[in-house]
PDB file of all heavy atoms in Angstrom:
ATOM      1  N   LYS A   1     -27.477 -13.722  29.841  1.00  0.00           N
ATOM      2  CA  LYS A   1     -27.471 -14.046  28.445  1.00  0.00           C
ATOM      3  C   LYS A   1     -27.763 -12.840  27.620  1.00  0.00           C
ATOM      4  O   LYS A   1     -27.182 -12.599  26.548  1.00  0.00           O
ATOM      5  CB  LYS A   1     -28.512 -15.222  28.243  1.00  0.00           C
ATOM      6  CG  LYS A   1     -28.095 -16.545  28.734  1.00  0.00           C
ATOM      7  CD  LYS A   1     -29.118 -17.568  28.457  1.00  0.00           C
ATOM      8  CE  LYS A   1     -28.743 -18.938  28.892  1.00  0.00           C
ATOM      9  NZ  LYS A   1     -29.781 -20.016  28.586  1.00  0.00           N
ATOM     10  N   LYS A   2     -28.835 -12.126  28.007  1.00  0.00           N
ATOM     11  CA  LYS A   2     -29.123 -10.909  27.359  1.00  0.00           C
ATOM     12  C   LYS A   2     -28.027  -9.927  27.244  1.00  0.00           C
ATOM     13  O   LYS A   2     -27.758  -9.367  26.140  1.00  0.00           O
ATOM     14  CB  LYS A   2     -30.377 -10.235  27.984  1.00  0.00           C
ATOM     15  CG  LYS A   2     -30.904  -9.049  27.325  1.00  0.00           C
ATOM     16  CD  LYS A   2     -32.125  -8.413  28.091  1.00  0.00           C
ATOM     17  CE  LYS A   2     -32.588  -7.154  27.445  1.00  0.00           C
ATOM     18  NZ  LYS A   2     -33.756  -6.614  28.252  1.00  0.00           N
ATOM     19  N   ASN A   3     -27.331  -9.647  28.324  1.00  0.00           N
ATOM     20  CA  ASN A   3     -26.274  -8.639  28.304  1.00  0.00           C
ATOM     21  C   ASN A   3     -25.099  -9.201  27.525  1.00  0.00           C
ATOM     22  O   ASN A   3     -24.376  -8.504  26.893  1.00  0.00           O
ATOM     23  CB  ASN A   3     -25.844  -8.351  29.786  1.00  0.00           C
ATOM     24  CG  ASN A   3     -26.871  -7.392  30.410  1.00  0.00           C
ATOM     25  OD1 ASN A   3     -27.919  -7.098  29.855  1.00  0.00           O
ATOM     26  ND2 ASN A   3     -26.510  -6.920  31.599  1.00  0.00           N
ATOM     27  N   THR A   4     -24.835 -10.473  27.587  1.00  0.00           N
ATOM     28  CA  THR A   4     -23.743 -11.115  26.820  1.00  0.00           C
ATOM     29  C   THR A   4     -23.936 -10.849  25.356  1.00  0.00           C
ATOM     30  O   THR A   4     -23.056 -10.483  24.577  1.00  0.00           O
ATOM     31  CB  THR A   4     -23.595 -12.585  27.194  1.00  0.00           C
ATOM     32  OG1 THR A   4     -23.267 -12.772  28.548  1.00  0.00           O
ATOM     33  CG2 THR A   4     -22.590 -13.250  26.271  1.00  0.00           C
ATOM     34  N   GLU A   5     -25.185 -11.129  24.822  1.00  0.00           N
ATOM     35  CA  GLU A   5     -25.432 -10.998  23.493  1.00  0.00           C
ATOM     36  C   GLU A   5     -25.343  -9.512  23.092  1.00  0.00           C
ATOM     37  O   GLU A   5     -24.826  -9.167  22.028  1.00  0.00           O
ATOM     38  CB  GLU A   5     -26.920 -11.446  23.211  1.00  0.00           C
ATOM     39  CG  GLU A   5     -27.068 -12.963  23.338  1.00  0.00           C
ATOM     40  CD  GLU A   5     -28.490 -13.379  23.185  1.00  0.00           C
ATOM     41  OE1 GLU A   5     -29.378 -12.535  23.039  1.00  0.00           O
ATOM     42  OE2 GLU A   5     -28.755 -14.675  23.288  1.00  0.00           O
ATOM     43  N   LYS A   6     -25.784  -8.594  23.914  1.00  0.00           N
ATOM     44  CA  LYS A   6     -25.765  -7.191  23.720  1.00  0.00           C
ATOM     45  C   LYS A   6     -24.336  -6.727  23.415  1.00  0.00           C
ATOM     46  O   LYS A   6     -24.077  -5.986  22.434  1.00  0.00           O
ATOM     47  CB  LYS A   6     -26.380  -6.385  24.878  1.00  0.00           C
ATOM     48  CG  LYS A   6     -26.204  -4.896  24.837  1.00  0.00           C
ATOM     49  CD  LYS A   6     -26.589  -4.279  26.159  1.00  0.00           C
ATOM     50  CE  LYS A   6     -26.110  -2.811  26.222  1.00  0.00           C
ATOM     51  NZ  LYS A   6     -26.541  -2.193  27.541  1.00  0.00           N
ATOM     52  N   TRP A   7     -23.463  -7.051  24.351  1.00  0.00           N
ATOM     53  CA  TRP A   7     -22.102  -6.541  24.278  1.00  0.00           C
ATOM     54  C   TRP A   7     -21.201  -7.227  23.311  1.00  0.00           C
ATOM     55  O   TRP A   7     -20.377  -6.564  22.636  1.00  0.00           O
ATOM     56  CB  TRP A   7     -21.482  -6.641  25.626  1.00  0.00           C
ATOM     57  CG  TRP A   7     -21.945  -5.505  26.575  1.00  0.00           C
ATOM     58  CD1 TRP A   7     -22.744  -5.555  27.617  1.00  0.00           C
ATOM     59  CD2 TRP A   7     -21.682  -4.115  26.390  1.00  0.00           C
ATOM     60  NE1 TRP A   7     -23.022  -4.292  28.105  1.00  0.00           N
ATOM     61  CE2 TRP A   7     -22.403  -3.323  27.398  1.00  0.00           C
ATOM     62  CE3 TRP A   7     -20.975  -3.332  25.457  1.00  0.00           C
ATOM     63  CZ2 TRP A   7     -22.347  -2.000  27.535  1.00  0.00           C
ATOM     64  CZ3 TRP A   7     -20.911  -1.983  25.599  1.00  0.00           C
ATOM     65  CH2 TRP A   7     -21.594  -1.293  26.554  1.00  0.00           C
ATOM     66  N   LEU A   8     -21.399  -8.451  22.981  1.00  0.00           N
ATOM     67  CA  LEU A   8     -20.748  -9.163  21.901  1.00  0.00           C
ATOM     68  C   LEU A   8     -21.118  -8.517  20.578  1.00  0.00           C
ATOM     69  O   LEU A   8     -20.228  -8.265  19.737  1.00  0.00           O
ATOM     70  CB  LEU A   8     -20.960 -10.609  21.923  1.00  0.00           C
ATOM     71  CG  LEU A   8     -20.416 -11.396  23.070  1.00  0.00           C
ATOM     72  CD1 LEU A   8     -20.801 -12.882  22.944  1.00  0.00           C
ATOM     73  CD2 LEU A   8     -18.904 -11.282  23.170  1.00  0.00           C
ATOM     74  N   LYS A   9     -22.361  -8.194  20.399  1.00  0.00           N
ATOM     75  CA  LYS A   9     -22.867  -7.559  19.242  1.00  0.00           C
ATOM     76  C   LYS A   9     -22.314  -6.131  19.138  1.00  0.00           C
ATOM     77  O   LYS A   9     -21.838  -5.754  18.056  1.00  0.00           O
ATOM     78  CB  LYS A   9     -24.389  -7.484  19.206  1.00  0.00           C
ATOM     79  CG  LYS A   9     -24.963  -6.880  17.892  1.00  0.00           C
ATOM     80  CD  LYS A   9     -26.458  -6.979  17.836  1.00  0.00           C
ATOM     81  CE  LYS A   9     -27.011  -6.440  16.570  1.00  0.00           C
ATOM     82  NZ  LYS A   9     -28.504  -6.443  16.467  1.00  0.00           N
ATOM     83  N   ARG A  10     -22.354  -5.360  20.261  1.00  0.00           N
ATOM     84  CA  ARG A  10     -21.835  -4.003  20.165  1.00  0.00           C
ATOM     85  C   ARG A  10     -20.395  -3.930  19.834  1.00  0.00           C
ATOM     86  O   ARG A  10     -19.904  -2.985  19.150  1.00  0.00           O
ATOM     87  CB  ARG A  10     -22.075  -3.360  21.615  1.00  0.00           C
ATOM     88  CG  ARG A  10     -21.518  -1.875  21.643  1.00  0.00           C
ATOM     89  CD  ARG A  10     -22.277  -0.993  20.689  1.00  0.00           C
ATOM     90  NE  ARG A  10     -21.664   0.312  20.612  1.00  0.00           N
ATOM     91  CZ  ARG A  10     -20.693   0.569  19.718  1.00  0.00           C
ATOM     92  NH1 ARG A  10     -20.223  -0.300  18.891  1.00  0.00           N
ATOM     93  NH2 ARG A  10     -20.163   1.830  19.700  1.00  0.00           N
ATOM     94  N   LEU A  11     -19.639  -4.864  20.332  1.00  0.00           N
ATOM     95  CA  LEU A  11     -18.186  -4.893  20.053  1.00  0.00           C
ATOM     96  C   LEU A  11     -17.760  -5.721  18.833  1.00  0.00           C
ATOM     97  O   LEU A  11     -16.699  -6.020  18.512  1.00  0.00           O
ATOM     98  CB  LEU A  11     -17.447  -5.416  21.254  1.00  0.00           C
ATOM     99  CG  LEU A  11     -17.488  -4.381  22.430  1.00  0.00           C
ATOM    100  CD1 LEU A  11     -17.053  -5.096  23.757  1.00  0.00           C
ATOM    101  CD2 LEU A  11     -16.547  -3.260  22.185  1.00  0.00           C
ATOM    102  N   GLU A  12     -18.857  -6.106  18.076  1.00  0.00           N
ATOM    103  CA  GLU A  12     -18.679  -6.719  16.779  1.00  0.00           C
ATOM    104  C   GLU A  12     -17.907  -8.057  16.818  1.00  0.00           C
ATOM    105  O   GLU A  12     -17.050  -8.386  16.013  1.00  0.00           O
ATOM    106  CB  GLU A  12     -18.056  -5.803  15.732  1.00  0.00           C
ATOM    107  CG  GLU A  12     -18.921  -4.591  15.469  1.00  0.00           C
ATOM    108  CD  GLU A  12     -18.325  -3.637  14.499  1.00  0.00           C
ATOM    109  OE1 GLU A  12     -17.334  -4.002  13.801  1.00  0.00           O
ATOM    110  OE2 GLU A  12     -18.796  -2.564  14.374  1.00  0.00           O
ATOM    111  N   VAL A  13     -18.187  -8.812  17.848  1.00  0.00           N
ATOM    112  CA  VAL A  13     -17.635 -10.195  18.023  1.00  0.00           C
ATOM    113  C   VAL A  13     -18.608 -11.261  18.221  1.00  0.00           C
ATOM    114  O   VAL A  13     -18.351 -12.386  18.709  1.00  0.00           O
ATOM    115  CB  VAL A  13     -16.492 -10.218  19.151  1.00  0.00           C
ATOM    116  CG1 VAL A  13     -15.227  -9.583  18.722  1.00  0.00           C
ATOM    117  CG2 VAL A  13     -17.077  -9.643  20.417  1.00  0.00           C
ATOM    118  N   GLU A  14     -19.890 -10.980  17.910  1.00  0.00           N
ATOM    119  CA  GLU A  14     -21.002 -11.945  18.149  1.00  0.00           C
ATOM    120  C   GLU A  14     -20.751 -13.244  17.451  1.00  0.00           C
ATOM    121  O   GLU A  14     -21.141 -14.349  17.794  1.00  0.00           O
ATOM    122  CB  GLU A  14     -22.319 -11.272  17.858  1.00  0.00           C
ATOM    123  CG  GLU A  14     -22.637 -11.064  16.387  1.00  0.00           C
ATOM    124  CD  GLU A  14     -22.241  -9.768  15.926  1.00  0.00           C
ATOM    125  OE1 GLU A  14     -21.285  -9.189  16.484  1.00  0.00           O
ATOM    126  OE2 GLU A  14     -22.857  -9.201  15.003  1.00  0.00           O
ATOM    127  N   GLU A  15     -20.067 -13.215  16.230  1.00  0.00           N
ATOM    128  CA  GLU A  15     -19.827 -14.402  15.432  1.00  0.00           C
ATOM    129  C   GLU A  15     -18.932 -15.412  16.198  1.00  0.00           C
ATOM    130  O   GLU A  15     -18.815 -16.582  15.733  1.00  0.00           O
ATOM    131  CB  GLU A  15     -19.306 -14.014  14.095  1.00  0.00           C
ATOM    132  CG  GLU A  15     -17.834 -13.406  14.116  1.00  0.00           C
ATOM    133  CD  GLU A  15     -17.327 -12.978  12.776  1.00  0.00           C
ATOM    134  OE1 GLU A  15     -17.008 -13.845  12.026  1.00  0.00           O
ATOM    135  OE2 GLU A  15     -17.360 -11.729  12.566  1.00  0.00           O
ATOM    136  N   TYR A  16     -18.306 -14.932  17.192  1.00  0.00           N
ATOM    137  CA  TYR A  16     -17.294 -15.864  17.876  1.00  0.00           C
ATOM    138  C   TYR A  16     -17.911 -16.362  19.212  1.00  0.00           C
ATOM    139  O   TYR A  16     -17.190 -16.870  20.011  1.00  0.00           O
ATOM    140  CB  TYR A  16     -15.977 -15.098  18.239  1.00  0.00           C
ATOM    141  CG  TYR A  16     -15.342 -14.430  16.978  1.00  0.00           C
ATOM    142  CD1 TYR A  16     -15.202 -13.071  16.967  1.00  0.00           C
ATOM    143  CD2 TYR A  16     -14.922 -15.260  15.923  1.00  0.00           C
ATOM    144  CE1 TYR A  16     -14.700 -12.508  15.807  1.00  0.00           C
ATOM    145  CE2 TYR A  16     -14.380 -14.639  14.747  1.00  0.00           C
ATOM    146  CZ  TYR A  16     -14.240 -13.264  14.748  1.00  0.00           C
ATOM    147  OH  TYR A  16     -13.694 -12.700  13.603  1.00  0.00           O
ATOM    148  N   ALA A  17     -19.188 -16.123  19.447  1.00  0.00           N
ATOM    149  CA  ALA A  17     -19.771 -16.432  20.730  1.00  0.00           C
ATOM    150  C   ALA A  17     -19.650 -17.888  21.126  1.00  0.00           C
ATOM    151  O   ALA A  17     -19.475 -18.161  22.367  1.00  0.00           O
ATOM    152  CB  ALA A  17     -21.305 -15.983  20.666  1.00  0.00           C
ATOM    153  N   LYS A  18     -19.690 -18.756  20.157  1.00  0.00           N
ATOM    154  CA  LYS A  18     -19.573 -20.207  20.554  1.00  0.00           C
ATOM    155  C   LYS A  18     -18.238 -20.799  20.309  1.00  0.00           C
ATOM    156  O   LYS A  18     -18.064 -22.037  20.296  1.00  0.00           O
ATOM    157  CB  LYS A  18     -20.656 -20.971  19.646  1.00  0.00           C
ATOM    158  CG  LYS A  18     -22.039 -20.444  19.800  1.00  0.00           C
ATOM    159  CD  LYS A  18     -22.616 -20.608  21.251  1.00  0.00           C
ATOM    160  CE  LYS A  18     -24.016 -20.122  21.343  1.00  0.00           C
ATOM    161  NZ  LYS A  18     -24.518 -20.171  22.746  1.00  0.00           N
ATOM    162  N   ARG A  19     -17.358 -19.952  20.121  1.00  0.00           N
ATOM    163  CA  ARG A  19     -15.879 -20.416  20.019  1.00  0.00           C
ATOM    164  C   ARG A  19     -15.079 -20.371  21.241  1.00  0.00           C
ATOM    165  O   ARG A  19     -15.348 -19.489  22.167  1.00  0.00           O
ATOM    166  CB  ARG A  19     -15.233 -19.689  18.887  1.00  0.00           C
ATOM    167  CG  ARG A  19     -15.789 -20.091  17.499  1.00  0.00           C
ATOM    168  CD  ARG A  19     -15.274 -19.285  16.350  1.00  0.00           C
ATOM    169  NE  ARG A  19     -13.793 -19.229  16.311  1.00  0.00           N
ATOM    170  CZ  ARG A  19     -13.077 -18.645  15.365  1.00  0.00           C
ATOM    171  NH1 ARG A  19     -13.727 -18.014  14.328  1.00  0.00           N
ATOM    172  NH2 ARG A  19     -11.704 -18.575  15.358  1.00  0.00           N
ATOM    173  N   LYS A  20     -13.996 -21.166  21.403  1.00  0.00           N
ATOM    174  CA  LYS A  20     -13.095 -21.033  22.446  1.00  0.00           C
ATOM    175  C   LYS A  20     -12.326 -19.735  22.253  1.00  0.00           C
ATOM    176  O   LYS A  20     -11.941 -19.324  21.289  1.00  0.00           O
ATOM    177  CB  LYS A  20     -12.132 -22.187  22.567  1.00  0.00           C
ATOM    178  CG  LYS A  20     -12.898 -23.601  22.918  1.00  0.00           C
ATOM    179  CD  LYS A  20     -11.850 -24.649  23.055  1.00  0.00           C
ATOM    180  CE  LYS A  20     -12.521 -25.890  23.400  1.00  0.00           C
ATOM    181  NZ  LYS A  20     -11.525 -27.058  23.467  1.00  0.00           N
ATOM    182  N   LEU A  21     -12.076 -19.020  23.463  1.00  0.00           N
ATOM    183  CA  LEU A  21     -11.351 -17.742  23.420  1.00  0.00           C
ATOM    184  C   LEU A  21     -10.067 -17.874  22.739  1.00  0.00           C
ATOM    185  O   LEU A  21      -9.628 -16.906  21.986  1.00  0.00           O
ATOM    186  CB  LEU A  21     -11.188 -17.217  24.802  1.00  0.00           C
ATOM    187  CG  LEU A  21     -10.646 -15.766  24.812  1.00  0.00           C
ATOM    188  CD1 LEU A  21     -11.719 -14.775  24.386  1.00  0.00           C
ATOM    189  CD2 LEU A  21     -10.195 -15.504  26.338  1.00  0.00           C
ATOM    190  N   GLU A  22      -9.307 -18.906  22.894  1.00  0.00           N
ATOM    191  CA  GLU A  22      -7.977 -19.068  22.409  1.00  0.00           C
ATOM    192  C   GLU A  22      -7.918 -19.163  20.859  1.00  0.00           C
ATOM    193  O   GLU A  22      -6.821 -18.907  20.265  1.00  0.00           O
ATOM    194  CB  GLU A  22      -7.265 -20.297  22.904  1.00  0.00           C
ATOM    195  CG  GLU A  22      -7.852 -21.621  22.553  1.00  0.00           C
ATOM    196  CD  GLU A  22      -7.194 -22.821  23.211  1.00  0.00           C
ATOM    197  OE1 GLU A  22      -6.233 -22.528  23.984  1.00  0.00           O
ATOM    198  OE2 GLU A  22      -7.626 -23.939  22.919  1.00  0.00           O
ATOM    199  N   THR A  23      -9.067 -19.348  20.142  1.00  0.00           N
ATOM    200  CA  THR A  23      -9.074 -19.445  18.705  1.00  0.00           C
ATOM    201  C   THR A  23      -9.301 -18.057  18.156  1.00  0.00           C
ATOM    202  O   THR A  23      -9.183 -17.927  16.873  1.00  0.00           O
ATOM    203  CB  THR A  23     -10.241 -20.380  18.264  1.00  0.00           C
ATOM    204  OG1 THR A  23     -11.500 -19.783  18.635  1.00  0.00           O
ATOM    205  CG2 THR A  23     -10.141 -21.709  18.876  1.00  0.00           C
ATOM    206  N   LEU A  24      -9.417 -17.071  18.918  1.00  0.00           N
ATOM    207  CA  LEU A  24      -9.682 -15.693  18.468  1.00  0.00           C
ATOM    208  C   LEU A  24      -8.298 -15.048  18.301  1.00  0.00           C
ATOM    209  O   LEU A  24      -7.371 -15.344  18.858  1.00  0.00           O
ATOM    210  CB  LEU A  24     -10.524 -14.885  19.334  1.00  0.00           C
ATOM    211  CG  LEU A  24     -12.108 -15.066  19.164  1.00  0.00           C
ATOM    212  CD1 LEU A  24     -12.524 -16.528  19.382  1.00  0.00           C
ATOM    213  CD2 LEU A  24     -12.837 -14.203  20.105  1.00  0.00           C
ATOM    214  N   SER A  25      -8.312 -13.983  17.438  1.00  0.00           N
ATOM    215  CA  SER A  25      -7.154 -13.080  17.335  1.00  0.00           C
ATOM    216  C   SER A  25      -6.943 -12.369  18.664  1.00  0.00           C
ATOM    217  O   SER A  25      -7.915 -12.224  19.466  1.00  0.00           O
ATOM    218  CB  SER A  25      -7.315 -12.121  16.202  1.00  0.00           C
ATOM    219  OG  SER A  25      -8.310 -11.204  16.433  1.00  0.00           O
ATOM    220  N   LYS A  26      -5.772 -11.759  18.809  1.00  0.00           N
ATOM    221  CA  LYS A  26      -5.505 -11.033  20.068  1.00  0.00           C
ATOM    222  C   LYS A  26      -6.469  -9.844  20.149  1.00  0.00           C
ATOM    223  O   LYS A  26      -6.942  -9.552  21.237  1.00  0.00           O
ATOM    224  CB  LYS A  26      -4.101 -10.483  20.036  1.00  0.00           C
ATOM    225  CG  LYS A  26      -3.661  -9.770  21.294  1.00  0.00           C
ATOM    226  CD  LYS A  26      -2.201  -9.337  21.279  1.00  0.00           C
ATOM    227  CE  LYS A  26      -1.813  -8.585  22.455  1.00  0.00           C
ATOM    228  NZ  LYS A  26      -0.397  -8.176  22.494  1.00  0.00           N
ATOM    229  N   GLY A  27      -6.734  -9.144  19.043  1.00  0.00           N
ATOM    230  CA  GLY A  27      -7.689  -8.037  19.075  1.00  0.00           C
ATOM    231  C   GLY A  27      -9.065  -8.459  19.512  1.00  0.00           C
ATOM    232  O   GLY A  27      -9.724  -7.733  20.240  1.00  0.00           O
ATOM    233  N   ASN A  28      -9.499  -9.539  18.955  1.00  0.00           N
ATOM    234  CA  ASN A  28     -10.857 -10.011  19.255  1.00  0.00           C
ATOM    235  C   ASN A  28     -10.879 -10.535  20.633  1.00  0.00           C
ATOM    236  O   ASN A  28     -12.009 -10.347  21.312  1.00  0.00           O
ATOM    237  CB  ASN A  28     -11.335 -11.010  18.255  1.00  0.00           C
ATOM    238  CG  ASN A  28     -11.783 -10.396  16.907  1.00  0.00           C
ATOM    239  OD1 ASN A  28     -12.265  -9.286  16.857  1.00  0.00           O
ATOM    240  ND2 ASN A  28     -11.469 -11.161  15.859  1.00  0.00           N
ATOM    241  N   GLN A  29      -9.883 -11.121  21.141  1.00  0.00           N
ATOM    242  CA  GLN A  29      -9.827 -11.495  22.535  1.00  0.00           C
ATOM    243  C   GLN A  29     -10.026 -10.317  23.493  1.00  0.00           C
ATOM    244  O   GLN A  29     -10.615 -10.335  24.459  1.00  0.00           O
ATOM    245  CB  GLN A  29      -8.584 -12.326  22.887  1.00  0.00           C
ATOM    246  CG  GLN A  29      -8.528 -13.724  22.298  1.00  0.00           C
ATOM    247  CD  GLN A  29      -7.344 -14.422  22.750  1.00  0.00           C
ATOM    248  OE1 GLN A  29      -6.814 -14.313  23.893  1.00  0.00           O
ATOM    249  NE2 GLN A  29      -6.692 -15.258  21.859  1.00  0.00           N
ATOM    250  N   GLN A  30      -9.330  -9.240  23.008  1.00  0.00           N
ATOM    251  CA  GLN A  30      -9.404  -8.007  23.853  1.00  0.00           C
ATOM    252  C   GLN A  30     -10.814  -7.454  23.855  1.00  0.00           C
ATOM    253  O   GLN A  30     -11.262  -6.968  24.918  1.00  0.00           O
ATOM    254  CB  GLN A  30      -8.405  -6.995  23.206  1.00  0.00           C
ATOM    255  CG  GLN A  30      -8.466  -5.584  23.895  1.00  0.00           C
ATOM    256  CD  GLN A  30      -7.942  -5.563  25.289  1.00  0.00           C
ATOM    257  OE1 GLN A  30      -7.720  -6.519  25.939  1.00  0.00           O
ATOM    258  NE2 GLN A  30      -7.660  -4.332  25.784  1.00  0.00           N
ATOM    259  N   LYS A  31     -11.539  -7.510  22.694  1.00  0.00           N
ATOM    260  CA  LYS A  31     -12.886  -7.048  22.755  1.00  0.00           C
ATOM    261  C   LYS A  31     -13.836  -7.916  23.573  1.00  0.00           C
ATOM    262  O   LYS A  31     -14.717  -7.411  24.220  1.00  0.00           O
ATOM    263  CB  LYS A  31     -13.319  -6.928  21.233  1.00  0.00           C
ATOM    264  CG  LYS A  31     -12.632  -5.803  20.500  1.00  0.00           C
ATOM    265  CD  LYS A  31     -13.382  -5.416  19.265  1.00  0.00           C
ATOM    266  CE  LYS A  31     -13.433  -6.476  18.194  1.00  0.00           C
ATOM    267  NZ  LYS A  31     -14.101  -6.066  16.894  1.00  0.00           N
ATOM    268  N   VAL A  32     -13.586  -9.229  23.580  1.00  0.00           N
ATOM    269  CA  VAL A  32     -14.385 -10.129  24.390  1.00  0.00           C
ATOM    270  C   VAL A  32     -14.172  -9.745  25.892  1.00  0.00           C
ATOM    271  O   VAL A  32     -15.025  -9.775  26.708  1.00  0.00           O
ATOM    272  CB  VAL A  32     -14.051 -11.603  24.153  1.00  0.00           C
ATOM    273  CG1 VAL A  32     -14.624 -12.531  25.169  1.00  0.00           C
ATOM    274  CG2 VAL A  32     -14.564 -12.051  22.723  1.00  0.00           C
ATOM    275  N   GLN A  33     -12.819  -9.471  26.176  1.00  0.00           N
ATOM    276  CA  GLN A  33     -12.568  -9.119  27.582  1.00  0.00           C
ATOM    277  C   GLN A  33     -13.260  -7.789  27.974  1.00  0.00           C
ATOM    278  O   GLN A  33     -13.815  -7.725  29.142  1.00  0.00           O
ATOM    279  CB  GLN A  33     -10.991  -8.889  27.703  1.00  0.00           C
ATOM    280  CG  GLN A  33     -10.614  -8.511  29.122  1.00  0.00           C
ATOM    281  CD  GLN A  33     -10.121  -9.678  30.004  1.00  0.00           C
ATOM    282  OE1 GLN A  33      -9.628 -10.583  29.435  1.00  0.00           O
ATOM    283  NE2 GLN A  33     -10.492  -9.592  31.226  1.00  0.00           N
ATOM    284  N   LEU A  34     -13.376  -6.883  27.090  1.00  0.00           N
ATOM    285  CA  LEU A  34     -14.126  -5.676  27.371  1.00  0.00           C
ATOM    286  C   LEU A  34     -15.667  -5.890  27.554  1.00  0.00           C
ATOM    287  O   LEU A  34     -16.257  -5.425  28.481  1.00  0.00           O
ATOM    288  CB  LEU A  34     -13.960  -4.657  26.293  1.00  0.00           C
ATOM    289  CG  LEU A  34     -14.661  -3.258  26.523  1.00  0.00           C
ATOM    290  CD1 LEU A  34     -14.175  -2.614  27.771  1.00  0.00           C
ATOM    291  CD2 LEU A  34     -14.457  -2.332  25.279  1.00  0.00           C
ATOM    292  N   ALA A  35     -16.140  -6.817  26.686  1.00  0.00           N
ATOM    293  CA  ALA A  35     -17.549  -7.251  26.838  1.00  0.00           C
ATOM    294  C   ALA A  35     -17.775  -7.864  28.141  1.00  0.00           C
ATOM    295  O   ALA A  35     -18.798  -7.538  28.803  1.00  0.00           O
ATOM    296  CB  ALA A  35     -17.876  -8.209  25.670  1.00  0.00           C
ATOM    297  N   ALA A  36     -16.850  -8.658  28.628  1.00  0.00           N
ATOM    298  CA  ALA A  36     -16.976  -9.303  30.026  1.00  0.00           C
ATOM    299  C   ALA A  36     -16.923  -8.250  31.068  1.00  0.00           C
ATOM    300  O   ALA A  36     -17.657  -8.352  32.141  1.00  0.00           O
ATOM    301  CB  ALA A  36     -15.995 -10.353  30.238  1.00  0.00           C
ATOM    302  N   THR A  37     -16.220  -7.176  30.869  1.00  0.00           N
ATOM    303  CA  THR A  37     -16.084  -6.112  31.802  1.00  0.00           C
ATOM    304  C   THR A  37     -17.406  -5.348  32.000  1.00  0.00           C
ATOM    305  O   THR A  37     -17.720  -5.009  33.055  1.00  0.00           O
ATOM    306  CB  THR A  37     -14.953  -5.054  31.417  1.00  0.00           C
ATOM    307  OG1 THR A  37     -13.692  -5.763  31.329  1.00  0.00           O
ATOM    308  CG2 THR A  37     -14.843  -3.931  32.314  1.00  0.00           C
ATOM    309  N   LEU A  38     -18.168  -5.243  30.852  1.00  0.00           N
ATOM    310  CA  LEU A  38     -19.296  -4.393  30.834  1.00  0.00           C
ATOM    311  C   LEU A  38     -20.641  -5.194  30.969  1.00  0.00           C
ATOM    312  O   LEU A  38     -21.682  -4.643  30.986  1.00  0.00           O
ATOM    313  CB  LEU A  38     -19.331  -3.579  29.598  1.00  0.00           C
ATOM    314  CG  LEU A  38     -18.147  -2.664  29.355  1.00  0.00           C
ATOM    315  CD1 LEU A  38     -18.193  -1.987  27.942  1.00  0.00           C
ATOM    316  CD2 LEU A  38     -18.050  -1.571  30.440  1.00  0.00           C
ATOM    317  N   VAL A  39     -20.553  -6.548  31.045  1.00  0.00           N
ATOM    318  CA  VAL A  39     -21.701  -7.389  30.907  1.00  0.00           C
ATOM    319  C   VAL A  39     -22.671  -7.108  32.066  1.00  0.00           C
ATOM    320  O   VAL A  39     -23.837  -7.409  31.950  1.00  0.00           O
ATOM    321  CB  VAL A  39     -21.215  -8.846  30.936  1.00  0.00           C
ATOM    322  CG1 VAL A  39     -20.721  -9.365  32.306  1.00  0.00           C
ATOM    323  CG2 VAL A  39     -22.406  -9.786  30.490  1.00  0.00           C
ATOM    324  N   CYS A  40     -22.214  -6.629  33.162  1.00  0.00           N
ATOM    325  CA  CYS A  40     -23.113  -6.288  34.345  1.00  0.00           C
ATOM    326  C   CYS A  40     -23.587  -4.909  34.364  1.00  0.00           C
ATOM    327  O   CYS A  40     -24.216  -4.483  35.348  1.00  0.00           O
ATOM    328  CB  CYS A  40     -22.422  -6.665  35.622  1.00  0.00           C
ATOM    329  SG  CYS A  40     -22.166  -8.484  35.864  1.00  0.00           S
ATOM    330  N   ASP A  41     -23.350  -4.200  33.300  1.00  0.00           N
ATOM    331  CA  ASP A  41     -23.773  -2.776  33.240  1.00  0.00           C
ATOM    332  C   ASP A  41     -23.276  -1.971  34.473  1.00  0.00           C
ATOM    333  O   ASP A  41     -24.026  -1.396  35.174  1.00  0.00           O
ATOM    334  CB  ASP A  41     -25.330  -2.606  33.034  1.00  0.00           C
ATOM    335  CG  ASP A  41     -25.683  -1.227  32.739  1.00  0.00           C
ATOM    336  OD1 ASP A  41     -24.935  -0.450  32.127  1.00  0.00           O
ATOM    337  OD2 ASP A  41     -26.855  -0.803  33.137  1.00  0.00           O
ATOM    338  N   PRO A  42     -21.973  -1.959  34.645  1.00  0.00           N
ATOM    339  CA  PRO A  42     -21.425  -1.315  35.910  1.00  0.00           C
ATOM    340  C   PRO A  42     -21.593   0.190  35.853  1.00  0.00           C
ATOM    341  O   PRO A  42     -21.573   0.869  34.797  1.00  0.00           O
ATOM    342  CB  PRO A  42     -19.956  -1.716  35.842  1.00  0.00           C
ATOM    343  CG  PRO A  42     -19.707  -1.950  34.451  1.00  0.00           C
ATOM    344  CD  PRO A  42     -20.918  -2.465  33.825  1.00  0.00           C
ATOM    345  N   ASP A  43     -21.635   0.650  37.149  1.00  0.00           N
ATOM    346  CA  ASP A  43     -21.718   2.136  37.326  1.00  0.00           C
ATOM    347  C   ASP A  43     -20.355   2.766  37.382  1.00  0.00           C
ATOM    348  O   ASP A  43     -20.116   3.961  36.963  1.00  0.00           O
ATOM    349  CB  ASP A  43     -22.447   2.558  38.665  1.00  0.00           C
ATOM    350  CG  ASP A  43     -23.908   2.176  38.613  1.00  0.00           C
ATOM    351  OD1 ASP A  43     -24.552   2.392  37.586  1.00  0.00           O
ATOM    352  OD2 ASP A  43     -24.270   1.577  39.603  1.00  0.00           O
ATOM    353  N   ILE A  44     -19.292   2.001  37.722  1.00  0.00           N
ATOM    354  CA  ILE A  44     -17.915   2.377  37.701  1.00  0.00           C
ATOM    355  C   ILE A  44     -17.110   1.433  36.817  1.00  0.00           C
ATOM    356  O   ILE A  44     -17.172   0.283  36.944  1.00  0.00           O
ATOM    357  CB  ILE A  44     -17.388   2.313  39.218  1.00  0.00           C
ATOM    358  CG1 ILE A  44     -18.146   3.199  40.090  1.00  0.00           C
ATOM    359  CG2 ILE A  44     -15.863   2.665  39.178  1.00  0.00           C
ATOM    360  CD1 ILE A  44     -17.875   2.989  41.537  1.00  0.00           C
ATOM    361  N   VAL A  45     -16.446   2.010  35.885  1.00  0.00           N
ATOM    362  CA  VAL A  45     -15.663   1.285  34.887  1.00  0.00           C
ATOM    363  C   VAL A  45     -14.219   1.672  34.998  1.00  0.00           C
ATOM    364  O   VAL A  45     -13.823   2.820  34.917  1.00  0.00           O
ATOM    365  CB  VAL A  45     -16.130   1.497  33.446  1.00  0.00           C
ATOM    366  CG1 VAL A  45     -15.411   0.699  32.441  1.00  0.00           C
ATOM    367  CG2 VAL A  45     -17.675   1.161  33.425  1.00  0.00           C
TER     368      VAL A  45
END
């Protein structure tokens, strides 16, 4: 939860946190996808 909030805020999509992904624009969906990629603080990206 902590990392999810961190990355949604960093990628400026925190306002869509409680919405279904399909309701977002293509660009915002892409930023959510990146947030999901980084949510575990990976060493290899």
